[in-house]
Amino acid sequence: MRHTRFAALVLAAAVSSASLLAQTAGQDAKSAGHDTAQATKNTGHAISKGTETGYDKTKTGTTKAARATSHGTKKAAVKTKDTTVDAADATAHGTKVAASKTASGTKKLANKVSGKD
């Protein structure tokens, strides 16, 4: 009988302590709502941080691209100018040579026609 009382006492203590630890459905819902709110807040912070990082990297990349484009454009302008000057000089020289040869050929033809040759 002693064992029976002891077993009943242990069983009563276990049931009593379990009921102290158990939460009601309302407490469970409140806890779940709090956990959801905290997870949403953490997600919002992560999205905000990622957006700021993306903005900063885009800004830096755009600045670098603008500088590189400006440098490339200036370099191309100088090369285009140099090439244009060279082409103009070659055209002027070729025109002078052609004019001189045309004048010489015309003079020879005129002399042949007039019989001076």
PDB file of N, CA and C in Angstrom:
ATOM      1  N   MET A   1       0.803  -1.161   0.000  1.00  0.00           N
ATOM      2  CA  MET A   1       0.000   0.000   0.000  1.00  0.00           C
ATOM      3  C   MET A   1       0.868   1.255   0.000  1.00  0.00           C
ATOM      4  N   ARG A   2       2.012   1.093   0.646  1.00  0.00           N
ATOM      5  CA  ARG A   2       2.923   2.213   0.663  1.00  0.00           C
ATOM      6  C   ARG A   2       3.356   2.590  -0.737  1.00  0.00           C
ATOM      7  N   HIS A   3       3.599   1.633  -1.542  1.00  0.00           N
ATOM      8  CA  HIS A   3       4.014   1.885  -2.924  1.00  0.00           C
ATOM      9  C   HIS A   3       2.896   2.573  -3.699  1.00  0.00           C
ATOM     10  N   THR A   4       1.698   2.213  -3.413  1.00  0.00           N
ATOM     11  CA  THR A   4       0.562   2.786  -4.114  1.00  0.00           C
ATOM     12  C   THR A   4       0.422   4.264  -3.769  1.00  0.00           C
ATOM     13  N   ARG A   5       0.590   4.596  -2.506  1.00  0.00           N
ATOM     14  CA  ARG A   5       0.508   6.000  -2.124  1.00  0.00           C
ATOM     15  C   ARG A   5       1.641   6.808  -2.752  1.00  0.00           C
ATOM     16  N   PHE A   6       2.821   6.206  -2.705  1.00  0.00           N
ATOM     17  CA  PHE A   6       3.973   6.900  -3.291  1.00  0.00           C
ATOM     18  C   PHE A   6       3.778   7.118  -4.795  1.00  0.00           C
ATOM     19  N   ALA A   7       3.277   6.122  -5.484  1.00  0.00           N
ATOM     20  CA  ALA A   7       3.022   6.213  -6.918  1.00  0.00           C
ATOM     21  C   ALA A   7       1.951   7.263  -7.190  1.00  0.00           C
ATOM     22  N   ALA A   8       0.939   7.296  -6.357  1.00  0.00           N
ATOM     23  CA  ALA A   8      -0.120   8.290  -6.534  1.00  0.00           C
ATOM     24  C   ALA A   8       0.420   9.692  -6.303  1.00  0.00           C
ATOM     25  N   LEU A   9       1.284   9.839  -5.302  1.00  0.00           N
ATOM     26  CA  LEU A   9       1.898  11.136  -5.011  1.00  0.00           C
ATOM     27  C   LEU A   9       2.776  11.603  -6.162  1.00  0.00           C
ATOM     28  N   VAL A  10       3.567  10.710  -6.716  1.00  0.00           N
ATOM     29  CA  VAL A  10       4.441  11.041  -7.852  1.00  0.00           C
ATOM     30  C   VAL A  10       3.599  11.416  -9.061  1.00  0.00           C
ATOM     31  N   LEU A  11       2.539  10.658  -9.305  1.00  0.00           N
ATOM     32  CA  LEU A  11       1.650  10.937 -10.429  1.00  0.00           C
ATOM     33  C   LEU A  11       0.962  12.289 -10.251  1.00  0.00           C
ATOM     34  N   ALA A  12       0.539  12.592  -9.059  1.00  0.00           N
ATOM     35  CA  ALA A  12      -0.114  13.882  -8.787  1.00  0.00           C
ATOM     36  C   ALA A  12       0.869  15.027  -8.986  1.00  0.00           C
ATOM     37  N   ALA A  13       2.099  14.866  -8.544  1.00  0.00           N
ATOM     38  CA  ALA A  13       3.125  15.907  -8.703  1.00  0.00           C
ATOM     39  C   ALA A  13       3.431  16.116 -10.191  1.00  0.00           C
ATOM     40  N   ALA A  14       3.510  15.048 -10.942  1.00  0.00           N
ATOM     41  CA  ALA A  14       3.804  15.144 -12.375  1.00  0.00           C
ATOM     42  C   ALA A  14       2.682  15.853 -13.109  1.00  0.00           C
ATOM     43  N   VAL A  15       1.456  15.534 -12.792  1.00  0.00           N
ATOM     44  CA  VAL A  15       0.305  16.158 -13.449  1.00  0.00           C
ATOM     45  C   VAL A  15       0.232  17.631 -13.065  1.00  0.00           C
ATOM     46  N   SER A  16       0.505  17.954 -11.818  1.00  0.00           N
ATOM     47  CA  SER A  16       0.456  19.344 -11.354  1.00  0.00           C
ATOM     48  C   SER A  16       1.521  20.183 -12.027  1.00  0.00           C
ATOM     49  N   SER A  17       2.750  19.665 -12.095  1.00  0.00           N
ATOM     50  CA  SER A  17       3.838  20.447 -12.712  1.00  0.00           C
ATOM     51  C   SER A  17       3.624  20.571 -14.214  1.00  0.00           C
ATOM     52  N   ALA A  18       3.065  19.569 -14.861  1.00  0.00           N
ATOM     53  CA  ALA A  18       2.797  19.649 -16.299  1.00  0.00           C
ATOM     54  C   ALA A  18       1.762  20.709 -16.582  1.00  0.00           C
ATOM     55  N   SER A  19       0.784  20.834 -15.702  1.00  0.00           N
ATOM     56  CA  SER A  19      -0.238  21.849 -15.934  1.00  0.00           C
ATOM     57  C   SER A  19       0.332  23.243 -15.716  1.00  0.00           C
ATOM     58  N   LEU A  20       1.330  23.368 -14.856  1.00  0.00           N
ATOM     59  CA  LEU A  20       1.972  24.671 -14.651  1.00  0.00           C
ATOM     60  C   LEU A  20       2.764  25.093 -15.887  1.00  0.00           C
ATOM     61  N   LEU A  21       3.339  24.137 -16.578  1.00  0.00           N
ATOM     62  CA  LEU A  21       4.165  24.437 -17.754  1.00  0.00           C
ATOM     63  C   LEU A  21       3.342  24.617 -19.023  1.00  0.00           C
ATOM     64  N   ALA A  22       2.174  24.069 -19.068  1.00  0.00           N
ATOM     65  CA  ALA A  22       1.353  24.118 -20.280  1.00  0.00           C
ATOM     66  C   ALA A  22       0.852  25.533 -20.520  1.00  0.00           C
ATOM     67  N   GLN A  23       0.758  25.904 -21.789  1.00  0.00           N
ATOM     68  CA  GLN A  23       0.241  27.216 -22.164  1.00  0.00           C
ATOM     69  C   GLN A  23      -1.160  27.044 -22.722  1.00  0.00           C
ATOM     70  N   THR A  24      -1.905  28.100 -22.644  1.00  0.00           N
ATOM     71  CA  THR A  24      -3.234  28.048 -23.229  1.00  0.00           C
ATOM     72  C   THR A  24      -3.123  28.325 -24.719  1.00  0.00           C
ATOM     73  N   ALA A  25      -4.205  28.075 -25.433  1.00  0.00           N
ATOM     74  CA  ALA A  25      -4.219  28.330 -26.877  1.00  0.00           C
ATOM     75  C   ALA A  25      -4.014  29.815 -27.146  1.00  0.00           C
ATOM     76  N   GLY A  26      -4.551  30.656 -26.312  1.00  0.00           N
ATOM     77  CA  GLY A  26      -4.379  32.107 -26.476  1.00  0.00           C
ATOM     78  C   GLY A  26      -2.927  32.517 -26.316  1.00  0.00           C
ATOM     79  N   GLN A  27      -2.245  31.892 -25.338  1.00  0.00           N
ATOM     80  CA  GLN A  27      -0.825  32.197 -25.145  1.00  0.00           C
ATOM     81  C   GLN A  27       0.006  31.706 -26.332  1.00  0.00           C
ATOM     82  N   ASP A  28      -0.356  30.543 -26.856  1.00  0.00           N
ATOM     83  CA  ASP A  28       0.340  30.028 -28.039  1.00  0.00           C
ATOM     84  C   ASP A  28       0.159  30.966 -29.229  1.00  0.00           C
ATOM     85  N   ALA A  29      -1.050  31.455 -29.449  1.00  0.00           N
ATOM     86  CA  ALA A  29      -1.316  32.359 -30.567  1.00  0.00           C
ATOM     87  C   ALA A  29      -0.565  33.674 -30.389  1.00  0.00           C
ATOM     88  N   LYS A  30      -0.542  34.164 -29.136  1.00  0.00           N
ATOM     89  CA  LYS A  30       0.187  35.411 -28.856  1.00  0.00           C
ATOM     90  C   LYS A  30       1.676  35.232 -29.136  1.00  0.00           C
ATOM     91  N   SER A  31       2.220  34.103 -28.693  1.00  0.00           N
ATOM     92  CA  SER A  31       3.633  33.806 -28.914  1.00  0.00           C
ATOM     93  C   SER A  31       3.940  33.679 -30.409  1.00  0.00           C
ATOM     94  N   ALA A  32       3.060  33.004 -31.124  1.00  0.00           N
ATOM     95  CA  ALA A  32       3.255  32.845 -32.573  1.00  0.00           C
ATOM     96  C   ALA A  32       3.165  34.193 -33.269  1.00  0.00           C
ATOM     97  N   GLY A  33       2.247  35.047 -32.834  1.00  0.00           N
ATOM     98  CA  GLY A  33       2.132  36.384 -33.416  1.00  0.00           C
ATOM     99  C   GLY A  33       3.377  37.212 -33.170  1.00  0.00           C
ATOM    100  N   HIS A  34       3.918  37.116 -31.943  1.00  0.00           N
ATOM    101  CA  HIS A  34       5.151  37.839 -31.622  1.00  0.00           C
ATOM    102  C   HIS A  34       6.315  37.335 -32.476  1.00  0.00           C
ATOM    103  N   ASP A  35       6.430  36.020 -32.606  1.00  0.00           N
ATOM    104  CA  ASP A  35       7.504  35.433 -33.421  1.00  0.00           C
ATOM    105  C   ASP A  35       7.385  35.877 -34.879  1.00  0.00           C
ATOM    106  N   THR A  36       6.157  35.911 -35.390  1.00  0.00           N
ATOM    107  CA  THR A  36       5.935  36.348 -36.776  1.00  0.00           C
ATOM    108  C   THR A  36       6.306  37.814 -36.945  1.00  0.00           C
ATOM    109  N   ALA A  37       5.928  38.641 -35.981  1.00  0.00           N
ATOM    110  CA  ALA A  37       6.262  40.066 -36.044  1.00  0.00           C
ATOM    111  C   ALA A  37       7.772  40.260 -36.018  1.00  0.00           C
ATOM    112  N   GLN A  38       8.452  39.524 -35.171  1.00  0.00           N
ATOM    113  CA  GLN A  38       9.916  39.641 -35.087  1.00  0.00           C
ATOM    114  C   GLN A  38      10.582  39.179 -36.379  1.00  0.00           C
ATOM    115  N   ALA A  39      10.095  38.091 -36.961  1.00  0.00           N
ATOM    116  CA  ALA A  39      10.651  37.598 -38.224  1.00  0.00           C
ATOM    117  C   ALA A  39      10.423  38.610 -39.342  1.00  0.00           C
ATOM    118  N   THR A  40       9.261  39.239 -39.361  1.00  0.00           N
ATOM    119  CA  THR A  40       8.957  40.261 -40.372  1.00  0.00           C
ATOM    120  C   THR A  40       9.884  41.456 -40.216  1.00  0.00           C
ATOM    121  N   LYS A  41      10.100  41.860 -38.971  1.00  0.00           N
ATOM    122  CA  LYS A  41      10.995  42.995 -38.696  1.00  0.00           C
ATOM    123  C   LYS A  41      12.422  42.670 -39.157  1.00  0.00           C
ATOM    124  N   ASN A  42      12.893  41.474 -38.839  1.00  0.00           N
ATOM    125  CA  ASN A  42      14.242  41.061 -39.250  1.00  0.00           C
ATOM    126  C   ASN A  42      14.363  41.016 -40.772  1.00  0.00           C
ATOM    127  N   THR A  43      13.329  40.517 -41.440  1.00  0.00           N
ATOM    128  CA  THR A  43      13.329  40.464 -42.902  1.00  0.00           C
ATOM    129  C   THR A  43      13.384  41.866 -43.490  1.00  0.00           C
ATOM    130  N   GLY A  44      12.607  42.782 -42.895  1.00  0.00           N
ATOM    131  CA  GLY A  44      12.619  44.175 -43.353  1.00  0.00           C
ATOM    132  C   GLY A  44      13.988  44.803 -43.223  1.00  0.00           C
ATOM    133  N   HIS A  45      14.659  44.540 -42.114  1.00  0.00           N
ATOM    134  CA  HIS A  45      16.011  45.075 -41.921  1.00  0.00           C
ATOM    135  C   HIS A  45      16.979  44.498 -42.954  1.00  0.00           C
ATOM    136  N   ALA A  46      16.861  43.211 -43.227  1.00  0.00           N
ATOM    137  CA  ALA A  46      17.751  42.577 -44.214  1.00  0.00           C
ATOM    138  C   ALA A  46      17.513  43.145 -45.606  1.00  0.00           C
ATOM    139  N   ILE A  47      16.259  43.363 -45.966  1.00  0.00           N
ATOM    140  CA  ILE A  47      15.938  43.925 -47.282  1.00  0.00           C
ATOM    141  C   ILE A  47      16.474  45.346 -47.376  1.00  0.00           C
ATOM    142  N   SER A  48      16.312  46.116 -46.313  1.00  0.00           N
ATOM    143  CA  SER A  48      16.806  47.494 -46.289  1.00  0.00           C
ATOM    144  C   SER A  48      18.322  47.527 -46.478  1.00  0.00           C
ATOM    145  N   LYS A  49      19.022  46.673 -45.758  1.00  0.00           N
ATOM    146  CA  LYS A  49      20.488  46.611 -45.852  1.00  0.00           C
ATOM    147  C   LYS A  49      20.917  46.198 -47.260  1.00  0.00           C
ATOM    148  N   GLY A  50      20.236  45.212 -47.819  1.00  0.00           N
ATOM    149  CA  GLY A  50      20.572  44.763 -49.173  1.00  0.00           C
ATOM    150  C   GLY A  50      20.304  45.843 -50.203  1.00  0.00           C
ATOM    151  N   THR A  51      19.230  46.595 -50.017  1.00  0.00           N
ATOM    152  CA  THR A  51      18.910  47.679 -50.949  1.00  0.00           C
ATOM    153  C   THR A  51      19.959  48.777 -50.883  1.00  0.00           C
ATOM    154  N   GLU A  52      20.385  49.132 -49.666  1.00  0.00           N
ATOM    155  CA  GLU A  52      21.427  50.151 -49.506  1.00  0.00           C
ATOM    156  C   GLU A  52      22.726  49.697 -50.148  1.00  0.00           C
ATOM    157  N   THR A  53      23.094  48.452 -49.938  1.00  0.00           N
ATOM    158  CA  THR A  53      24.328  47.922 -50.526  1.00  0.00           C
ATOM    159  C   THR A  53      24.246  47.946 -52.045  1.00  0.00           C
ATOM    160  N   GLY A  54      23.113  47.528 -52.586  1.00  0.00           N
ATOM    161  CA  GLY A  54      22.934  47.547 -54.045  1.00  0.00           C
ATOM    162  C   GLY A  54      23.009  48.953 -54.598  1.00  0.00           C
ATOM    163  N   TYR A  55      22.405  49.911 -53.912  1.00  0.00           N
ATOM    164  CA  TYR A  55      22.453  51.317 -54.340  1.00  0.00           C
ATOM    165  C   TYR A  55      23.894  51.821 -54.356  1.00  0.00           C
ATOM    166  N   ASP A  56      24.623  51.553 -53.261  1.00  0.00           N
ATOM    167  CA  ASP A  56      26.011  52.023 -53.164  1.00  0.00           C
ATOM    168  C   ASP A  56      26.881  51.423 -54.266  1.00  0.00           C
ATOM    169  N   LYS A  57      26.723  50.135 -54.521  1.00  0.00           N
ATOM    170  CA  LYS A  57      27.536  49.485 -55.557  1.00  0.00           C
ATOM    171  C   LYS A  57      27.169  49.999 -56.947  1.00  0.00           C
ATOM    172  N   THR A  58      25.892  50.249 -57.188  1.00  0.00           N
ATOM    173  CA  THR A  58      25.464  50.792 -58.478  1.00  0.00           C
ATOM    174  C   THR A  58      26.025  52.193 -58.673  1.00  0.00           C
ATOM    175  N   LYS A  59      25.984  53.004 -57.627  1.00  0.00           N
ATOM    176  CA  LYS A  59      26.510  54.370 -57.696  1.00  0.00           C
ATOM    177  C   LYS A  59      28.005  54.350 -58.001  1.00  0.00           C
ATOM    178  N   THR A  60      28.747  53.489 -57.317  1.00  0.00           N
ATOM    179  CA  THR A  60      30.190  53.381 -57.538  1.00  0.00           C
ATOM    180  C   THR A  60      30.483  52.904 -58.961  1.00  0.00           C
ATOM    181  N   GLY A  61      29.767  51.905 -59.412  1.00  0.00           N
ATOM    182  CA  GLY A  61      29.973  51.386 -60.769  1.00  0.00           C
ATOM    183  C   GLY A  61      29.648  52.419 -61.831  1.00  0.00           C
ATOM    184  N   THR A  62      28.593  53.185 -61.608  1.00  0.00           N
ATOM    185  CA  THR A  62      28.206  54.217 -62.572  1.00  0.00           C
ATOM    186  C   THR A  62      29.266  55.305 -62.647  1.00  0.00           C
ATOM    187  N   THR A  63      29.805  55.699 -61.498  1.00  0.00           N
ATOM    188  CA  THR A  63      30.863  56.722 -61.469  1.00  0.00           C
ATOM    189  C   THR A  63      32.101  56.227 -62.219  1.00  0.00           C
ATOM    190  N   LYS A  64      32.487  54.989 -61.974  1.00  0.00           N
ATOM    191  CA  LYS A  64      33.661  54.428 -62.664  1.00  0.00           C
ATOM    192  C   LYS A  64      33.425  54.369 -64.167  1.00  0.00           C
ATOM    193  N   ALA A  65      32.233  53.948 -64.568  1.00  0.00           N
ATOM    194  CA  ALA A  65      31.922  53.848 -66.000  1.00  0.00           C
ATOM    195  C   ALA A  65      31.936  55.227 -66.657  1.00  0.00           C
ATOM    196  N   ALA A  66      31.434  56.225 -65.960  1.00  0.00           N
ATOM    197  CA  ALA A  66      31.421  57.585 -66.517  1.00  0.00           C
ATOM    198  C   ALA A  66      32.842  58.099 -66.712  1.00  0.00           C
ATOM    199  N   ARG A  67      33.704  57.851 -65.729  1.00  0.00           N
ATOM    200  CA  ARG A  67      35.107  58.288 -65.851  1.00  0.00           C
ATOM    201  C   ARG A  67      35.806  57.577 -67.006  1.00  0.00           C
ATOM    202  N   ALA A  68      35.579  56.278 -67.121  1.00  0.00           N
ATOM    203  CA  ALA A  68      36.214  55.513 -68.196  1.00  0.00           C
ATOM    204  C   ALA A  68      35.711  55.965 -69.563  1.00  0.00           C
ATOM    205  N   THR A  69      34.423  56.243 -69.652  1.00  0.00           N
ATOM    206  CA  THR A  69      33.848  56.716 -70.917  1.00  0.00           C
ATOM    207  C   THR A  69      34.420  58.079 -71.281  1.00  0.00           C
ATOM    208  N   SER A  70      34.546  58.961 -70.300  1.00  0.00           N
ATOM    209  CA  SER A  70      35.104  60.290 -70.541  1.00  0.00           C
ATOM    210  C   SER A  70      36.552  60.185 -71.028  1.00  0.00           C
ATOM    211  N   HIS A  71      37.321  59.356 -70.357  1.00  0.00           N
ATOM    212  CA  HIS A  71      38.732  59.172 -70.748  1.00  0.00           C
ATOM    213  C   HIS A  71      38.822  58.600 -72.168  1.00  0.00           C
ATOM    214  N   GLY A  72      38.018  57.587 -72.453  1.00  0.00           N
ATOM    215  CA  GLY A  72      38.036  56.964 -73.780  1.00  0.00           C
ATOM    216  C   GLY A  72      37.613  57.939 -74.870  1.00  0.00           C
ATOM    217  N   THR A  73      36.633  58.766 -74.559  1.00  0.00           N
ATOM    218  CA  THR A  73      36.154  59.745 -75.537  1.00  0.00           C
ATOM    219  C   THR A  73      37.239  60.771 -75.842  1.00  0.00           C
ATOM    220  N   LYS A  74      37.922  61.262 -74.806  1.00  0.00           N
ATOM    221  CA  LYS A  74      39.013  62.231 -75.008  1.00  0.00           C
ATOM    222  C   LYS A  74      40.138  61.616 -75.838  1.00  0.00           C
ATOM    223  N   LYS A  75      40.489  60.387 -75.523  1.00  0.00           N
ATOM    224  CA  LYS A  75      41.550  59.694 -76.249  1.00  0.00           C
ATOM    225  C   LYS A  75      41.166  59.507 -77.724  1.00  0.00           C
ATOM    226  N   ALA A  76      39.924  59.112 -77.960  1.00  0.00           N
ATOM    227  CA  ALA A  76      39.454  58.926 -79.338  1.00  0.00           C
ATOM    228  C   ALA A  76      39.423  60.245 -80.093  1.00  0.00           C
ATOM    229  N   ALA A  77      39.065  61.327 -79.396  1.00  0.00           N
ATOM    230  CA  ALA A  77      39.030  62.643 -80.046  1.00  0.00           C
ATOM    231  C   ALA A  77      40.429  63.063 -80.491  1.00  0.00           C
ATOM    232  N   VAL A  78      41.425  62.832 -79.655  1.00  0.00           N
ATOM    233  CA  VAL A  78      42.811  63.182 -80.010  1.00  0.00           C
ATOM    234  C   VAL A  78      43.270  62.353 -81.208  1.00  0.00           C
ATOM    235  N   LYS A  79      42.982  61.059 -81.185  1.00  0.00           N
ATOM    236  CA  LYS A  79      43.387  60.202 -82.314  1.00  0.00           C
ATOM    237  C   LYS A  79      42.656  60.606 -83.594  1.00  0.00           C
ATOM    238  N   THR A  80      41.380  60.930 -83.485  1.00  0.00           N
ATOM    239  CA  THR A  80      40.622  61.359 -84.655  1.00  0.00           C
ATOM    240  C   THR A  80      41.195  62.652 -85.217  1.00  0.00           C
ATOM    241  N   LYS A  81      41.540  63.584 -84.332  1.00  0.00           N
ATOM    242  CA  LYS A  81      42.126  64.861 -84.758  1.00  0.00           C
ATOM    243  C   LYS A  81      43.444  64.605 -85.487  1.00  0.00           C
ATOM    244  N   ASP A  82      44.314  63.788 -84.885  1.00  0.00           N
ATOM    245  CA  ASP A  82      45.612  63.490 -85.499  1.00  0.00           C
ATOM    246  C   ASP A  82      45.430  62.827 -86.868  1.00  0.00           C
ATOM    247  N   THR A  83      44.517  61.887 -86.947  1.00  0.00           N
ATOM    248  CA  THR A  83      44.265  61.193 -88.216  1.00  0.00           C
ATOM    249  C   THR A  83      43.712  62.166 -89.259  1.00  0.00           C
ATOM    250  N   THR A  84      42.831  63.041 -88.838  1.00  0.00           N
ATOM    251  CA  THR A  84      42.251  64.023 -89.762  1.00  0.00           C
ATOM    252  C   THR A  84      43.321  64.977 -90.279  1.00  0.00           C
ATOM    253  N   VAL A  85      44.215  65.425 -89.388  1.00  0.00           N
ATOM    254  CA  VAL A  85      45.304  66.318 -89.802  1.00  0.00           C
ATOM    255  C   VAL A  85      46.215  65.602 -90.791  1.00  0.00           C
ATOM    256  N   ASP A  86      46.558  64.355 -90.491  1.00  0.00           N
ATOM    257  CA  ASP A  86      47.413  63.580 -91.402  1.00  0.00           C
ATOM    258  C   ASP A  86      46.741  63.404 -92.767  1.00  0.00           C
ATOM    259  N   ALA A  87      45.461  63.100 -92.757  1.00  0.00           N
ATOM    260  CA  ALA A  87      44.734  62.910 -94.018  1.00  0.00           C
ATOM    261  C   ALA A  87      44.659  64.220 -94.795  1.00  0.00           C
ATOM    262  N   ALA A  88      44.462  65.323 -94.104  1.00  0.00           N
ATOM    263  CA  ALA A  88      44.403  66.622 -94.777  1.00  0.00           C
ATOM    264  C   ALA A  88      45.757  66.966 -95.397  1.00  0.00           C
ATOM    265  N   ASP A  89      46.825  66.708 -94.671  1.00  0.00           N
ATOM    266  CA  ASP A  89      48.172  66.966 -95.209  1.00  0.00           C
ATOM    267  C   ASP A  89      48.441  66.106 -96.443  1.00  0.00           C
ATOM    268  N   ALA A  90      48.070  64.827 -96.367  1.00  0.00           N
ATOM    269  CA  ALA A  90      48.289  63.932 -97.505  1.00  0.00           C
ATOM    270  C   ALA A  90      47.443  64.364 -98.699  1.00  0.00           C
ATOM    271  N   THR A  91      46.218  64.802 -98.448  1.00  0.00           N
ATOM    272  CA  THR A  91      45.350  65.261 -99.533  1.00  0.00           C
ATOM    273  C   THR A  91      45.920  66.526-100.171  1.00  0.00           C
ATOM    274  N   ALA A  92      46.405  67.446 -99.354  1.00  0.00           N
ATOM    275  CA  ALA A  92      46.986  68.690 -99.880  1.00  0.00           C
ATOM    276  C   ALA A  92      48.219  68.384-100.724  1.00  0.00           C
ATOM    277  N   HIS A  93      49.075  67.504-100.235  1.00  0.00           N
ATOM    278  CA  HIS A  93      50.277  67.142-100.992  1.00  0.00           C
ATOM    279  C   HIS A  93      49.898  66.470-102.320  1.00  0.00           C
ATOM    280  N   GLY A  94      48.947  65.521-102.242  1.00  0.00           N
ATOM    281  CA  GLY A  94      48.514  64.832-103.460  1.00  0.00           C
ATOM    282  C   GLY A  94      47.895  65.791-104.465  1.00  0.00           C
ATOM    283  N   THR A  95      47.164  66.766-103.963  1.00  0.00           N
ATOM    284  CA  THR A  95      46.541  67.756-104.858  1.00  0.00           C
ATOM    285  C   THR A  95      47.618  68.603-105.545  1.00  0.00           C
ATOM    286  N   LYS A  96      48.634  68.995-104.780  1.00  0.00           N
ATOM    287  CA  LYS A  96      49.730  69.796-105.363  1.00  0.00           C
ATOM    288  C   LYS A  96      50.479  69.003-106.426  1.00  0.00           C
ATOM    289  N   VAL A  97      50.765  67.748-106.124  1.00  0.00           N
ATOM    290  CA  VAL A  97      51.478  66.896-107.087  1.00  0.00           C
ATOM    291  C   VAL A  97      50.635  66.718-108.339  1.00  0.00           C
ATOM    292  N   ALA A  98      49.338  66.438-108.153  1.00  0.00           N
ATOM    293  CA  ALA A  98      48.451  66.245-109.299  1.00  0.00           C
ATOM    294  C   ALA A  98      48.354  67.523-110.126  1.00  0.00           C
ATOM    295  N   ALA A  99      48.251  68.676-109.445  1.00  0.00           N
ATOM    296  CA  ALA A  99      48.163  69.943-110.173  1.00  0.00           C
ATOM    297  C   ALA A  99      49.442  70.214-110.950  1.00  0.00           C
ATOM    298  N   SER A 100      50.585  69.929-110.331  1.00  0.00           N
ATOM    299  CA  SER A 100      51.871  70.161-110.996  1.00  0.00           C
ATOM    300  C   SER A 100      52.011  69.251-112.210  1.00  0.00           C
ATOM    301  N   LYS A 101      51.662  67.977-112.051  1.00  0.00           N
ATOM    302  CA  LYS A 101      51.772  67.046-113.177  1.00  0.00           C
ATOM    303  C   LYS A 101      50.768  67.401-114.275  1.00  0.00           C
ATOM    304  N   THR A 102      49.578  67.838-113.872  1.00  0.00           N
ATOM    305  CA  THR A 102      48.580  68.246-114.861  1.00  0.00           C
ATOM    306  C   THR A 102      49.083  69.458-115.643  1.00  0.00           C
ATOM    307  N   ALA A 103      49.678  70.416-114.916  1.00  0.00           N
ATOM    308  CA  ALA A 103      50.211  71.615-115.578  1.00  0.00           C
ATOM    309  C   ALA A 103      51.347  71.232-116.522  1.00  0.00           C
ATOM    310  N   SER A 104      52.206  70.351-116.080  1.00  0.00           N
ATOM    311  CA  SER A 104      53.331  69.925-116.919  1.00  0.00           C
ATOM    312  C   SER A 104      52.828  69.183-118.158  1.00  0.00           C
ATOM    313  N   GLY A 105      51.852  68.275-117.961  1.00  0.00           N
ATOM    314  CA  GLY A 105      51.297  67.533-119.095  1.00  0.00           C
ATOM    315  C   GLY A 105      50.579  68.462-120.057  1.00  0.00           C
ATOM    316  N   THR A 106      49.867  69.430-119.512  1.00  0.00           N
ATOM    317  CA  THR A 106      49.159  70.385-120.370  1.00  0.00           C
ATOM    318  C   THR A 106      50.148  71.210-121.173  1.00  0.00           C
ATOM    319  N   LYS A 107      51.238  71.616-120.534  1.00  0.00           N
ATOM    320  CA  LYS A 107      52.268  72.419-121.219  1.00  0.00           C
ATOM    321  C   LYS A 107      52.912  71.602-122.350  1.00  0.00           C
ATOM    322  N   LYS A 108      53.204  70.308-122.082  1.00  0.00           N
ATOM    323  CA  LYS A 108      53.797  69.457-123.115  1.00  0.00           C
ATOM    324  C   LYS A 108      52.824  69.289-124.281  1.00  0.00           C
ATOM    325  N   LEU A 109      51.569  69.082-123.962  1.00  0.00           N
ATOM    326  CA  LEU A 109      50.567  68.915-125.016  1.00  0.00           C
ATOM    327  C   LEU A 109      50.432  70.196-125.836  1.00  0.00           C
ATOM    328  N   ALA A 110      50.448  71.331-125.159  1.00  0.00           N
ATOM    329  CA  ALA A 110      50.338  72.613-125.863  1.00  0.00           C
ATOM    330  C   ALA A 110      51.539  72.828-126.778  1.00  0.00           C
ATOM    331  N   ASN A 111      52.709  72.459-126.296  1.00  0.00           N
ATOM    332  CA  ASN A 111      53.921  72.607-127.122  1.00  0.00           C
ATOM    333  C   ASN A 111      53.861  71.682-128.325  1.00  0.00           C
ATOM    334  N   LYS A 112      53.332  70.468-128.159  1.00  0.00           N
ATOM    335  CA  LYS A 112      53.217  69.533-129.260  1.00  0.00           C
ATOM    336  C   LYS A 112      52.240  70.065-130.288  1.00  0.00           C
ATOM    337  N   VAL A 113      51.159  70.591-129.817  1.00  0.00           N
ATOM    338  CA  VAL A 113      50.150  71.096-130.732  1.00  0.00           C
ATOM    339  C   VAL A 113      50.698  72.305-131.488  1.00  0.00           C
ATOM    340  N   SER A 114      51.423  73.158-130.836  1.00  0.00           N
ATOM    341  CA  SER A 114      51.947  74.360-131.494  1.00  0.00           C
ATOM    342  C   SER A 114      53.219  74.042-132.280  1.00  0.00           C
ATOM    343  N   GLY A 115      53.744  72.873-132.110  1.00  0.00           N
ATOM    344  CA  GLY A 115      54.900  72.458-132.875  1.00  0.00           C
ATOM    345  C   GLY A 115      56.201  72.863-132.242  1.00  0.00           C
ATOM    346  N   LYS A 116      56.249  73.278-131.017  1.00  0.00           N
ATOM    347  CA  LYS A 116      57.445  73.691-130.342  1.00  0.00           C
ATOM    348  C   LYS A 116      58.238  72.501-129.804  1.00  0.00           C
ATOM    349  N   ASP A 117      57.703  71.384-129.815  1.00  0.00           N
ATOM    350  CA  ASP A 117      58.388  70.251-129.223  1.00  0.00           C
ATOM    351  C   ASP A 117      59.219  69.526-130.198  1.00  0.00           C
TER     352      ASP A 117
END
